[in-house]
Amino acid sequence: MAKLAFLGLGVMGFPMAGHLASAGHDVCVYNRTRAKAEDWTSKHGGRSAATPREAAEGAEIVLACVGNDDDLRSVVTGEDGAFSGMGKGSVFVDHTTVSAAVTRELAALGEESGIGYVDAPISGGQAGAEKGQLSIMCGGPSDAFDRAEPVMATYAKICRRLGETGAGQMTKMCNQIAIAGVVQGLSEALAFAEAAGLDGRAVVEVISQGAAGSWQMENRYETMLDDEFDHGFAIDWMRKDLGICLTTGDEIGAALPVTALVDQFYKDVQGMGGGRWDTSALIKRLRKPA
């Protein structure tokens, strides 16, 4: 079993770190809000640390799942950052969805100290994290990935290396681009069914068995019909991710017209007070009184 550190105990990181502890790994956790770290150790044992550096000291692999580019830099760099506590030959795994630019920046910084770096964003939502059924898309040196993969397998349904540094983040952008269009399409279909006086559940029972079926339809249609959006991946986070997609699309010359449109639809829902609603709340915009 490995000596590990896990940085960031949000709705994803908390259960992911828990799977590592349950598998028998020696886990030290860090969270910006210390009470969350204490809650985790009370449930899973292990240890907590006051700084990322303290958590990372002596760890073979350090894993992080935080909020955005700035959050990642704050737990990695500086006197109290994880890199300051990591030894040569150790591996840093980043599960945060961030820009490929910050990934390459931090990977180069780690390389200077002999630290392997794997960008490993995740998909599957809170339920996937809790069930240990995440999709993990990875980039980075093959030797660093090979060392980290057995650890990530603890909470993965699939974990695959897609290429060199940044490939994981670019693949996660593909994931979010695909989801945006699917959720909007599902929202329109359900809103159309309601306007037509159809039984939405009966409609989905039929169309989900054909070409229209999707993960979003299977897992979100009932709560969408019931107007319940207090679960899953928040719109504020999705807009952060889509912003990364759109910026990167401009940089590489990839047209994302549907993504740009759905991003603005999400902005509308934020304006309705729905920033913390699940991404399936796009249907709320279609139900808005004229």
C-alpha atoms as a PDB file:
ATOM      1  CA  MET A   1       0.000   0.000   0.000  1.00  0.00           C
ATOM      2  CA  ALA A   2       1.197   3.505  -0.806  1.00  0.00           C
ATOM      3  CA  LYS A   3       1.773   6.585   1.307  1.00  0.00           C
ATOM      4  CA  LEU A   4      -0.506   9.228  -0.187  1.00  0.00           C
ATOM      5  CA  ALA A   5      -1.690  12.790   0.272  1.00  0.00           C
ATOM      6  CA  PHE A   6      -5.035  14.096  -0.958  1.00  0.00           C
ATOM      7  CA  LEU A   7      -5.634  17.843  -1.298  1.00  0.00           C
ATOM      8  CA  GLY A   8      -9.211  19.135  -1.525  1.00  0.00           C
ATOM      9  CA  LEU A   9     -12.189  17.484   0.145  1.00  0.00           C
ATOM     10  CA  GLY A  10     -15.160  18.852  -1.744  1.00  0.00           C
ATOM     11  CA  VAL A  11     -18.100  16.805  -3.009  1.00  0.00           C
ATOM     12  CA  MET A  12     -15.723  14.842  -5.255  1.00  0.00           C
ATOM     13  CA  GLY A  13     -12.505  14.762  -3.248  1.00  0.00           C
ATOM     14  CA  PHE A  14     -14.084  13.674   0.043  1.00  0.00           C
ATOM     15  CA  PRO A  15     -15.360  10.303  -1.244  1.00  0.00           C
ATOM     16  CA  MET A  16     -12.359   9.776  -3.547  1.00  0.00           C
ATOM     17  CA  ALA A  17      -9.954  10.101  -0.631  1.00  0.00           C
ATOM     18  CA  GLY A  18     -12.260   7.808   1.314  1.00  0.00           C
ATOM     19  CA  HIS A  19     -11.886   5.072  -1.303  1.00  0.00           C
ATOM     20  CA  LEU A  20      -8.104   5.334  -0.967  1.00  0.00           C
ATOM     21  CA  ALA A  21      -8.304   4.901   2.787  1.00  0.00           C
ATOM     22  CA  SER A  22     -10.726   1.979   2.455  1.00  0.00           C
ATOM     23  CA  ALA A  23      -8.267   0.288   0.099  1.00  0.00           C
ATOM     24  CA  GLY A  24      -5.663   0.357   2.867  1.00  0.00           C
ATOM     25  CA  HIS A  25      -3.496   3.242   1.693  1.00  0.00           C
ATOM     26  CA  ASP A  26      -1.832   5.546   4.238  1.00  0.00           C
ATOM     27  CA  VAL A  27      -3.655   8.805   3.473  1.00  0.00           C
ATOM     28  CA  CYS A  28      -2.971  12.309   4.784  1.00  0.00           C
ATOM     29  CA  VAL A  29      -5.547  14.901   3.729  1.00  0.00           C
ATOM     30  CA  TYR A  30      -5.554  18.669   3.432  1.00  0.00           C
ATOM     31  CA  ASN A  31      -8.523  20.980   2.979  1.00  0.00           C
ATOM     32  CA  ARG A  32      -8.646  24.760   3.085  1.00  0.00           C
ATOM     33  CA  THR A  33     -11.501  24.511   5.596  1.00  0.00           C
ATOM     34  CA  ARG A  34      -9.907  22.529   8.407  1.00  0.00           C
ATOM     35  CA  ALA A  35     -13.255  21.296   9.770  1.00  0.00           C
ATOM     36  CA  LYS A  36     -13.830  19.315   6.557  1.00  0.00           C
ATOM     37  CA  ALA A  37     -10.484  17.559   6.989  1.00  0.00           C
ATOM     38  CA  GLU A  38     -11.351  16.721  10.595  1.00  0.00           C
ATOM     39  CA  ASP A  39     -14.707  15.361   9.466  1.00  0.00           C
ATOM     40  CA  TRP A  40     -12.936  13.167   6.910  1.00  0.00           C
ATOM     41  CA  THR A  41     -10.472  11.722   9.433  1.00  0.00           C
ATOM     42  CA  SER A  42     -13.300  11.016  11.872  1.00  0.00           C
ATOM     43  CA  LYS A  43     -14.976   8.906   9.170  1.00  0.00           C
ATOM     44  CA  HIS A  44     -11.972   7.335   7.459  1.00  0.00           C
ATOM     45  CA  GLY A  45      -9.053   7.503   9.873  1.00  0.00           C
ATOM     46  CA  GLY A  46      -5.746   8.623   8.428  1.00  0.00           C
ATOM     47  CA  ARG A  47      -4.283  12.027   9.175  1.00  0.00           C
ATOM     48  CA  SER A  48      -4.886  15.657   8.283  1.00  0.00           C
ATOM     49  CA  ALA A  49      -2.349  18.416   7.754  1.00  0.00           C
ATOM     50  CA  ALA A  50      -2.402  22.181   8.184  1.00  0.00           C
ATOM     51  CA  THR A  51      -0.760  22.912   4.812  1.00  0.00           C
ATOM     52  CA  PRO A  52      -0.385  21.148   1.452  1.00  0.00           C
ATOM     53  CA  ARG A  53       3.352  20.965   2.059  1.00  0.00           C
ATOM     54  CA  GLU A  54       2.888  19.169   5.369  1.00  0.00           C
ATOM     55  CA  ALA A  55       0.430  16.733   3.791  1.00  0.00           C
ATOM     56  CA  ALA A  56       2.800  16.003   0.904  1.00  0.00           C
ATOM     57  CA  GLU A  57       5.938  15.376   2.951  1.00  0.00           C
ATOM     58  CA  GLY A  58       7.054  11.791   2.472  1.00  0.00           C
ATOM     59  CA  ALA A  59       4.159  10.942   0.145  1.00  0.00           C
ATOM     60  CA  GLU A  60       4.837   8.748  -2.878  1.00  0.00           C
ATOM     61  CA  ILE A  61       1.835  10.201  -4.711  1.00  0.00           C
ATOM     62  CA  VAL A  62      -0.013  13.452  -4.020  1.00  0.00           C
ATOM     63  CA  LEU A  63      -3.502  13.849  -5.489  1.00  0.00           C
ATOM     64  CA  ALA A  64      -5.518  17.050  -5.731  1.00  0.00           C
ATOM     65  CA  CYS A  65      -9.128  17.921  -6.545  1.00  0.00           C
ATOM     66  CA  VAL A  66      -9.717  21.632  -6.012  1.00  0.00           C
ATOM     67  CA  GLY A  67     -11.678  24.397  -7.765  1.00  0.00           C
ATOM     68  CA  ASN A  68      -9.868  26.219 -10.570  1.00  0.00           C
ATOM     69  CA  ASP A  69      -6.480  27.349 -11.909  1.00  0.00           C
ATOM     70  CA  ASP A  70      -5.803  29.725  -9.016  1.00  0.00           C
ATOM     71  CA  ASP A  71      -6.829  27.158  -6.402  1.00  0.00           C
ATOM     72  CA  LEU A  72      -4.509  24.603  -7.966  1.00  0.00           C
ATOM     73  CA  ARG A  73      -1.565  26.999  -8.008  1.00  0.00           C
ATOM     74  CA  SER A  74      -2.213  27.860  -4.362  1.00  0.00           C
ATOM     75  CA  VAL A  75      -1.960  24.239  -3.193  1.00  0.00           C
ATOM     76  CA  VAL A  76       1.013  23.397  -5.416  1.00  0.00           C
ATOM     77  CA  THR A  77       3.376  26.372  -5.379  1.00  0.00           C
ATOM     78  CA  GLY A  78       4.949  28.570  -2.732  1.00  0.00           C
ATOM     79  CA  GLU A  79       6.540  27.833   0.613  1.00  0.00           C
ATOM     80  CA  ASP A  80       3.488  25.940   1.869  1.00  0.00           C
ATOM     81  CA  GLY A  81       2.672  24.317  -1.485  1.00  0.00           C
ATOM     82  CA  ALA A  82       2.757  20.593  -2.124  1.00  0.00           C
ATOM     83  CA  PHE A  83       5.824  20.748  -4.380  1.00  0.00           C
ATOM     84  CA  SER A  84       7.843  22.130  -1.454  1.00  0.00           C
ATOM     85  CA  GLY A  85       7.149  18.959   0.515  1.00  0.00           C
ATOM     86  CA  MET A  86       7.455  16.392  -2.272  1.00  0.00           C
ATOM     87  CA  GLY A  87      10.632  14.443  -2.890  1.00  0.00           C
ATOM     88  CA  LYS A  88      12.369  13.554  -6.127  1.00  0.00           C
ATOM     89  CA  GLY A  89      10.665  10.611  -7.817  1.00  0.00           C
ATOM     90  CA  SER A  90       7.241  11.319  -6.319  1.00  0.00           C
ATOM     91  CA  VAL A  91       4.169  11.900  -8.516  1.00  0.00           C
ATOM     92  CA  PHE A  92       1.550  14.672  -8.438  1.00  0.00           C
ATOM     93  CA  VAL A  93      -1.898  13.828  -9.826  1.00  0.00           C
ATOM     94  CA  ASP A  94      -4.326  16.656 -10.536  1.00  0.00           C
ATOM     95  CA  HIS A  95      -8.012  15.712 -10.737  1.00  0.00           C
ATOM     96  CA  THR A  96      -9.162  19.345 -11.039  1.00  0.00           C
ATOM     97  CA  THR A  97     -10.649  20.586 -14.298  1.00  0.00           C
ATOM     98  CA  VAL A  98      -8.291  23.420 -15.212  1.00  0.00           C
ATOM     99  CA  SER A  99      -6.728  24.961 -18.302  1.00  0.00           C
ATOM    100  CA  ALA A 100      -4.128  23.055 -20.261  1.00  0.00           C
ATOM    101  CA  ALA A 101      -1.912  26.132 -19.846  1.00  0.00           C
ATOM    102  CA  VAL A 102      -1.709  25.906 -16.038  1.00  0.00           C
ATOM    103  CA  THR A 103      -1.224  22.149 -16.361  1.00  0.00           C
ATOM    104  CA  ARG A 104       1.835  22.616 -18.560  1.00  0.00           C
ATOM    105  CA  GLU A 105       3.119  25.390 -16.293  1.00  0.00           C
ATOM    106  CA  LEU A 106       2.957  23.269 -13.148  1.00  0.00           C
ATOM    107  CA  ALA A 107       4.190  20.117 -14.877  1.00  0.00           C
ATOM    108  CA  ALA A 108       7.318  22.002 -15.984  1.00  0.00           C
ATOM    109  CA  LEU A 109       7.800  23.319 -12.451  1.00  0.00           C
ATOM    110  CA  GLY A 110       7.502  19.814 -11.047  1.00  0.00           C
ATOM    111  CA  GLU A 111       9.954  18.443 -13.582  1.00  0.00           C
ATOM    112  CA  GLU A 112      12.608  20.844 -12.290  1.00  0.00           C
ATOM    113  CA  SER A 113      12.384  19.083  -8.921  1.00  0.00           C
ATOM    114  CA  GLY A 114      12.122  15.559 -10.302  1.00  0.00           C
ATOM    115  CA  ILE A 115       8.369  15.333  -9.636  1.00  0.00           C
ATOM    116  CA  GLY A 116       6.215  13.470 -12.132  1.00  0.00           C
ATOM    117  CA  TYR A 117       2.961  15.213 -13.072  1.00  0.00           C
ATOM    118  CA  VAL A 118      -0.266  13.632 -14.325  1.00  0.00           C
ATOM    119  CA  ASP A 119      -3.226  15.770 -15.353  1.00  0.00           C
ATOM    120  CA  ALA A 120      -6.211  13.548 -14.617  1.00  0.00           C
ATOM    121  CA  PRO A 121      -9.561  15.376 -14.729  1.00  0.00           C
ATOM    122  CA  ILE A 122     -12.612  13.308 -13.861  1.00  0.00           C
ATOM    123  CA  SER A 123     -16.176  12.803 -15.036  1.00  0.00           C
ATOM    124  CA  GLY A 124     -19.068  10.995 -13.390  1.00  0.00           C
ATOM    125  CA  GLY A 125     -20.297  13.524 -10.858  1.00  0.00           C
ATOM    126  CA  GLN A 126     -20.762  13.159  -7.130  1.00  0.00           C
ATOM    127  CA  ALA A 127     -22.505   9.800  -7.548  1.00  0.00           C
ATOM    128  CA  GLY A 128     -19.575   8.478  -9.568  1.00  0.00           C
ATOM    129  CA  ALA A 129     -17.133   9.626  -6.897  1.00  0.00           C
ATOM    130  CA  GLU A 130     -19.167   8.034  -4.122  1.00  0.00           C
ATOM    131  CA  LYS A 131     -19.532   4.741  -5.999  1.00  0.00           C
ATOM    132  CA  GLY A 132     -15.907   4.689  -7.176  1.00  0.00           C
ATOM    133  CA  GLN A 133     -17.055   4.724 -10.806  1.00  0.00           C
ATOM    134  CA  LEU A 134     -15.331   7.761 -12.287  1.00  0.00           C
ATOM    135  CA  SER A 135     -14.030   8.226 -15.794  1.00  0.00           C
ATOM    136  CA  ILE A 136     -10.457   9.534 -15.522  1.00  0.00           C
ATOM    137  CA  MET A 137      -8.757  11.048 -18.563  1.00  0.00           C
ATOM    138  CA  CYS A 138      -5.015  11.446 -18.171  1.00  0.00           C
ATOM    139  CA  GLY A 139      -2.056  13.202 -19.714  1.00  0.00           C
ATOM    140  CA  GLY A 140       1.597  13.175 -18.778  1.00  0.00           C
ATOM    141  CA  PRO A 141       4.728  11.007 -18.927  1.00  0.00           C
ATOM    142  CA  SER A 142       3.946   7.310 -19.212  1.00  0.00           C
ATOM    143  CA  ASP A 143       6.171   6.383 -16.253  1.00  0.00           C
ATOM    144  CA  ALA A 144       4.347   8.803 -13.935  1.00  0.00           C
ATOM    145  CA  PHE A 145       0.976   7.536 -15.163  1.00  0.00           C
ATOM    146  CA  ASP A 146       2.000   3.901 -14.684  1.00  0.00           C
ATOM    147  CA  ARG A 147       2.864   4.632 -11.049  1.00  0.00           C
ATOM    148  CA  ALA A 148      -0.342   6.541 -10.368  1.00  0.00           C
ATOM    149  CA  GLU A 149      -2.829   4.384 -12.276  1.00  0.00           C
ATOM    150  CA  PRO A 150      -3.169   1.591  -9.667  1.00  0.00           C
ATOM    151  CA  VAL A 151      -3.986   4.235  -7.050  1.00  0.00           C
ATOM    152  CA  MET A 152      -6.542   6.016  -9.264  1.00  0.00           C
ATOM    153  CA  ALA A 153      -8.104   2.639 -10.116  1.00  0.00           C
ATOM    154  CA  THR A 154      -9.463   2.631  -6.561  1.00  0.00           C
ATOM    155  CA  TYR A 155     -12.234   5.027  -7.629  1.00  0.00           C
ATOM    156  CA  ALA A 156     -12.253   4.598 -11.422  1.00  0.00           C
ATOM    157  CA  LYS A 157     -14.585   2.919 -13.875  1.00  0.00           C
ATOM    158  CA  ILE A 158     -12.046   3.688 -16.580  1.00  0.00           C
ATOM    159  CA  CYS A 159      -8.649   5.398 -16.318  1.00  0.00           C
ATOM    160  CA  ARG A 160      -6.731   5.986 -19.521  1.00  0.00           C
ATOM    161  CA  ARG A 161      -3.677   7.960 -20.634  1.00  0.00           C
ATOM    162  CA  LEU A 162      -4.508   9.992 -23.747  1.00  0.00           C
ATOM    163  CA  GLY A 163      -1.083  11.506 -24.402  1.00  0.00           C
ATOM    164  CA  GLU A 164       1.521  13.865 -23.009  1.00  0.00           C
ATOM    165  CA  THR A 165       1.008  16.693 -20.515  1.00  0.00           C
ATOM    166  CA  GLY A 166      -2.275  18.506 -21.105  1.00  0.00           C
ATOM    167  CA  ALA A 167      -3.958  15.669 -22.999  1.00  0.00           C
ATOM    168  CA  GLY A 168      -6.149  14.835 -20.010  1.00  0.00           C
ATOM    169  CA  GLN A 169      -7.417  18.399 -19.708  1.00  0.00           C
ATOM    170  CA  MET A 170      -8.044  18.653 -23.444  1.00  0.00           C
ATOM    171  CA  THR A 171     -10.052  15.416 -23.292  1.00  0.00           C
ATOM    172  CA  LYS A 172     -12.098  16.775 -20.368  1.00  0.00           C
ATOM    173  CA  MET A 173     -12.918  19.776 -22.549  1.00  0.00           C
ATOM    174  CA  CYS A 174     -14.287  17.343 -25.167  1.00  0.00           C
ATOM    175  CA  ASN A 175     -16.383  15.808 -22.390  1.00  0.00           C
ATOM    176  CA  GLN A 176     -17.897  19.137 -21.306  1.00  0.00           C
ATOM    177  CA  ILE A 177     -18.505  20.241 -24.897  1.00  0.00           C
ATOM    178  CA  ALA A 178     -20.436  17.026 -25.550  1.00  0.00           C
ATOM    179  CA  ILE A 179     -22.453  17.308 -22.333  1.00  0.00           C
ATOM    180  CA  ALA A 180     -23.511  20.910 -22.975  1.00  0.00           C
ATOM    181  CA  GLY A 181     -25.303  20.088 -26.207  1.00  0.00           C
ATOM    182  CA  VAL A 182     -26.867  16.906 -24.835  1.00  0.00           C
ATOM    183  CA  VAL A 183     -28.343  18.631 -21.762  1.00  0.00           C
ATOM    184  CA  GLN A 184     -29.810  21.419 -23.885  1.00  0.00           C
ATOM    185  CA  GLY A 185     -31.317  18.902 -26.292  1.00  0.00           C
ATOM    186  CA  LEU A 186     -32.827  16.894 -23.426  1.00  0.00           C
ATOM    187  CA  SER A 187     -34.205  20.073 -21.853  1.00  0.00           C
ATOM    188  CA  GLU A 188     -35.886  21.076 -25.090  1.00  0.00           C
ATOM    189  CA  ALA A 189     -37.346  17.587 -25.608  1.00  0.00           C
ATOM    190  CA  LEU A 190     -38.851  17.448 -22.116  1.00  0.00           C
ATOM    191  CA  ALA A 191     -40.169  21.013 -22.320  1.00  0.00           C
ATOM    192  CA  PHE A 192     -41.681  20.192 -25.723  1.00  0.00           C
ATOM    193  CA  ALA A 193     -43.358  17.091 -24.270  1.00  0.00           C
ATOM    194  CA  GLU A 194     -44.851  19.181 -21.467  1.00  0.00           C
ATOM    195  CA  ALA A 195     -46.129  21.818 -23.908  1.00  0.00           C
ATOM    196  CA  ALA A 196     -47.667  19.063 -26.037  1.00  0.00           C
ATOM    197  CA  GLY A 197     -49.524  17.632 -23.064  1.00  0.00           C
ATOM    198  CA  LEU A 198     -47.585  14.350 -23.128  1.00  0.00           C
ATOM    199  CA  ASP A 199     -46.571  12.227 -20.140  1.00  0.00           C
ATOM    200  CA  GLY A 200     -42.855  13.027 -19.900  1.00  0.00           C
ATOM    201  CA  ARG A 201     -42.010   9.764 -18.150  1.00  0.00           C
ATOM    202  CA  ALA A 202     -43.766   7.709 -20.773  1.00  0.00           C
ATOM    203  CA  VAL A 203     -42.012   9.670 -23.523  1.00  0.00           C
ATOM    204  CA  VAL A 204     -38.592   9.003 -22.014  1.00  0.00           C
ATOM    205  CA  GLU A 205     -39.397   5.319 -21.467  1.00  0.00           C
ATOM    206  CA  VAL A 206     -39.838   4.998 -25.218  1.00  0.00           C
ATOM    207  CA  ILE A 207     -37.230   7.336 -26.686  1.00  0.00           C
ATOM    208  CA  SER A 208     -34.480   6.323 -24.237  1.00  0.00           C
ATOM    209  CA  GLN A 209     -34.429   2.881 -25.833  1.00  0.00           C
ATOM    210  CA  GLY A 210     -33.549   4.319 -29.227  1.00  0.00           C
ATOM    211  CA  ALA A 211     -30.950   6.681 -30.646  1.00  0.00           C
ATOM    212  CA  ALA A 212     -31.959   9.498 -28.266  1.00  0.00           C
ATOM    213  CA  GLY A 213     -30.787   7.621 -25.162  1.00  0.00           C
ATOM    214  CA  SER A 214     -27.955   9.105 -23.087  1.00  0.00           C
ATOM    215  CA  TRP A 215     -26.471   9.140 -19.580  1.00  0.00           C
ATOM    216  CA  GLN A 216     -28.110  12.503 -18.993  1.00  0.00           C
ATOM    217  CA  MET A 217     -31.514  11.160 -20.000  1.00  0.00           C
ATOM    218  CA  GLU A 218     -31.182   8.047 -17.836  1.00  0.00           C
ATOM    219  CA  ASN A 219     -29.934   9.854 -14.745  1.00  0.00           C
ATOM    220  CA  ARG A 220     -31.583  13.280 -14.890  1.00  0.00           C
ATOM    221  CA  TYR A 221     -34.953  13.124 -16.663  1.00  0.00           C
ATOM    222  CA  GLU A 222     -37.018  12.370 -13.549  1.00  0.00           C
ATOM    223  CA  THR A 223     -35.562  15.198 -11.476  1.00  0.00           C
ATOM    224  CA  MET A 224     -35.890  17.542 -14.448  1.00  0.00           C
ATOM    225  CA  LEU A 225     -39.580  16.663 -14.772  1.00  0.00           C
ATOM    226  CA  ASP A 226     -39.991  17.108 -11.013  1.00  0.00           C
ATOM    227  CA  ASP A 227     -38.210  20.498 -11.103  1.00  0.00           C
ATOM    228  CA  GLU A 228     -35.521  19.313  -8.662  1.00  0.00           C
ATOM    229  CA  PHE A 229     -31.984  20.557  -9.183  1.00  0.00           C
ATOM    230  CA  ASP A 230     -30.253  20.359  -5.800  1.00  0.00           C
ATOM    231  CA  HIS A 231     -27.806  17.624  -6.754  1.00  0.00           C
ATOM    232  CA  GLY A 232     -24.958  16.880  -9.120  1.00  0.00           C
ATOM    233  CA  PHE A 233     -22.634  19.282 -10.927  1.00  0.00           C
ATOM    234  CA  ALA A 234     -23.381  22.967 -10.330  1.00  0.00           C
ATOM    235  CA  ILE A 235     -23.952  25.444 -13.139  1.00  0.00           C
ATOM    236  CA  ASP A 236     -21.290  27.780 -11.702  1.00  0.00           C
ATOM    237  CA  TRP A 237     -18.730  24.997 -12.166  1.00  0.00           C
ATOM    238  CA  MET A 238     -20.000  24.158 -15.633  1.00  0.00           C
ATOM    239  CA  ARG A 239     -19.633  27.760 -16.768  1.00  0.00           C
ATOM    240  CA  LYS A 240     -16.075  27.760 -15.457  1.00  0.00           C
ATOM    241  CA  ASP A 241     -15.381  24.652 -17.518  1.00  0.00           C
ATOM    242  CA  LEU A 242     -17.113  25.935 -20.642  1.00  0.00           C
ATOM    243  CA  GLY A 243     -15.118  29.158 -20.367  1.00  0.00           C
ATOM    244  CA  ILE A 244     -11.939  27.064 -20.535  1.00  0.00           C
ATOM    245  CA  CYS A 245     -13.337  25.194 -23.547  1.00  0.00           C
ATOM    246  CA  LEU A 246     -14.228  28.376 -25.423  1.00  0.00           C
ATOM    247  CA  THR A 247     -10.889  30.050 -24.712  1.00  0.00           C
ATOM    248  CA  THR A 248      -8.993  26.952 -25.818  1.00  0.00           C
ATOM    249  CA  GLY A 249     -11.187  26.619 -28.900  1.00  0.00           C
ATOM    250  CA  ASP A 250     -10.176  30.133 -29.937  1.00  0.00           C
ATOM    251  CA  GLU A 251      -6.516  29.290 -29.327  1.00  0.00           C
ATOM    252  CA  ILE A 252      -6.501  26.135 -31.442  1.00  0.00           C
ATOM    253  CA  GLY A 253      -8.961  27.274 -34.108  1.00  0.00           C
ATOM    254  CA  ALA A 254     -11.805  24.905 -33.162  1.00  0.00           C
ATOM    255  CA  ALA A 255     -15.323  26.266 -33.730  1.00  0.00           C
ATOM    256  CA  LEU A 256     -17.720  25.716 -30.801  1.00  0.00           C
ATOM    257  CA  PRO A 257     -20.969  27.455 -31.794  1.00  0.00           C
ATOM    258  CA  VAL A 258     -23.323  25.212 -29.803  1.00  0.00           C
ATOM    259  CA  THR A 259     -21.076  25.320 -26.736  1.00  0.00           C
ATOM    260  CA  ALA A 260     -20.998  29.115 -26.859  1.00  0.00           C
ATOM    261  CA  LEU A 261     -24.790  29.256 -27.139  1.00  0.00           C
ATOM    262  CA  VAL A 262     -25.400  26.829 -24.255  1.00  0.00           C
ATOM    263  CA  ASP A 263     -22.886  28.747 -22.125  1.00  0.00           C
ATOM    264  CA  GLN A 264     -25.088  31.813 -22.543  1.00  0.00           C
ATOM    265  CA  PHE A 265     -28.163  29.771 -21.651  1.00  0.00           C
ATOM    266  CA  TYR A 266     -26.400  28.758 -18.441  1.00  0.00           C
ATOM    267  CA  LYS A 267     -25.688  32.434 -17.828  1.00  0.00           C
ATOM    268  CA  ASP A 268     -29.430  33.054 -18.082  1.00  0.00           C
ATOM    269  CA  VAL A 269     -30.079  30.383 -15.431  1.00  0.00           C
ATOM    270  CA  GLN A 270     -27.459  31.964 -13.183  1.00  0.00           C
ATOM    271  CA  GLY A 271     -29.439  35.185 -13.566  1.00  0.00           C
ATOM    272  CA  MET A 272     -32.466  33.292 -12.266  1.00  0.00           C
ATOM    273  CA  GLY A 273     -30.533  32.527  -9.091  1.00  0.00           C
ATOM    274  CA  GLY A 274     -29.562  29.042 -10.231  1.00  0.00           C
ATOM    275  CA  GLY A 275     -25.778  29.149 -10.074  1.00  0.00           C
ATOM    276  CA  ARG A 276     -25.707  26.261  -7.597  1.00  0.00           C
ATOM    277  CA  TRP A 277     -28.413  24.262  -9.357  1.00  0.00           C
ATOM    278  CA  ASP A 278     -27.443  21.111 -11.208  1.00  0.00           C
ATOM    279  CA  THR A 279     -26.556  21.554 -14.895  1.00  0.00           C
ATOM    280  CA  SER A 280     -29.840  19.878 -15.882  1.00  0.00           C
ATOM    281  CA  ALA A 281     -31.581  23.075 -14.725  1.00  0.00           C
ATOM    282  CA  LEU A 282     -31.335  24.365 -18.291  1.00  0.00           C
ATOM    283  CA  ILE A 283     -34.977  23.299 -18.563  1.00  0.00           C
ATOM    284  CA  LYS A 284     -35.881  26.022 -16.016  1.00  0.00           C
ATOM    285  CA  ARG A 285     -35.039  28.632 -18.639  1.00  0.00           C
ATOM    286  CA  LEU A 286     -37.483  27.051 -21.073  1.00  0.00           C
ATOM    287  CA  ARG A 287     -40.222  27.020 -18.444  1.00  0.00           C
ATOM    288  CA  LYS A 288     -39.751  30.710 -17.633  1.00  0.00           C
ATOM    289  CA  PRO A 289     -42.983  32.663 -18.093  1.00  0.00           C
ATOM    290  CA  ALA A 290     -42.993  34.705 -21.291  1.00  0.00           C
END
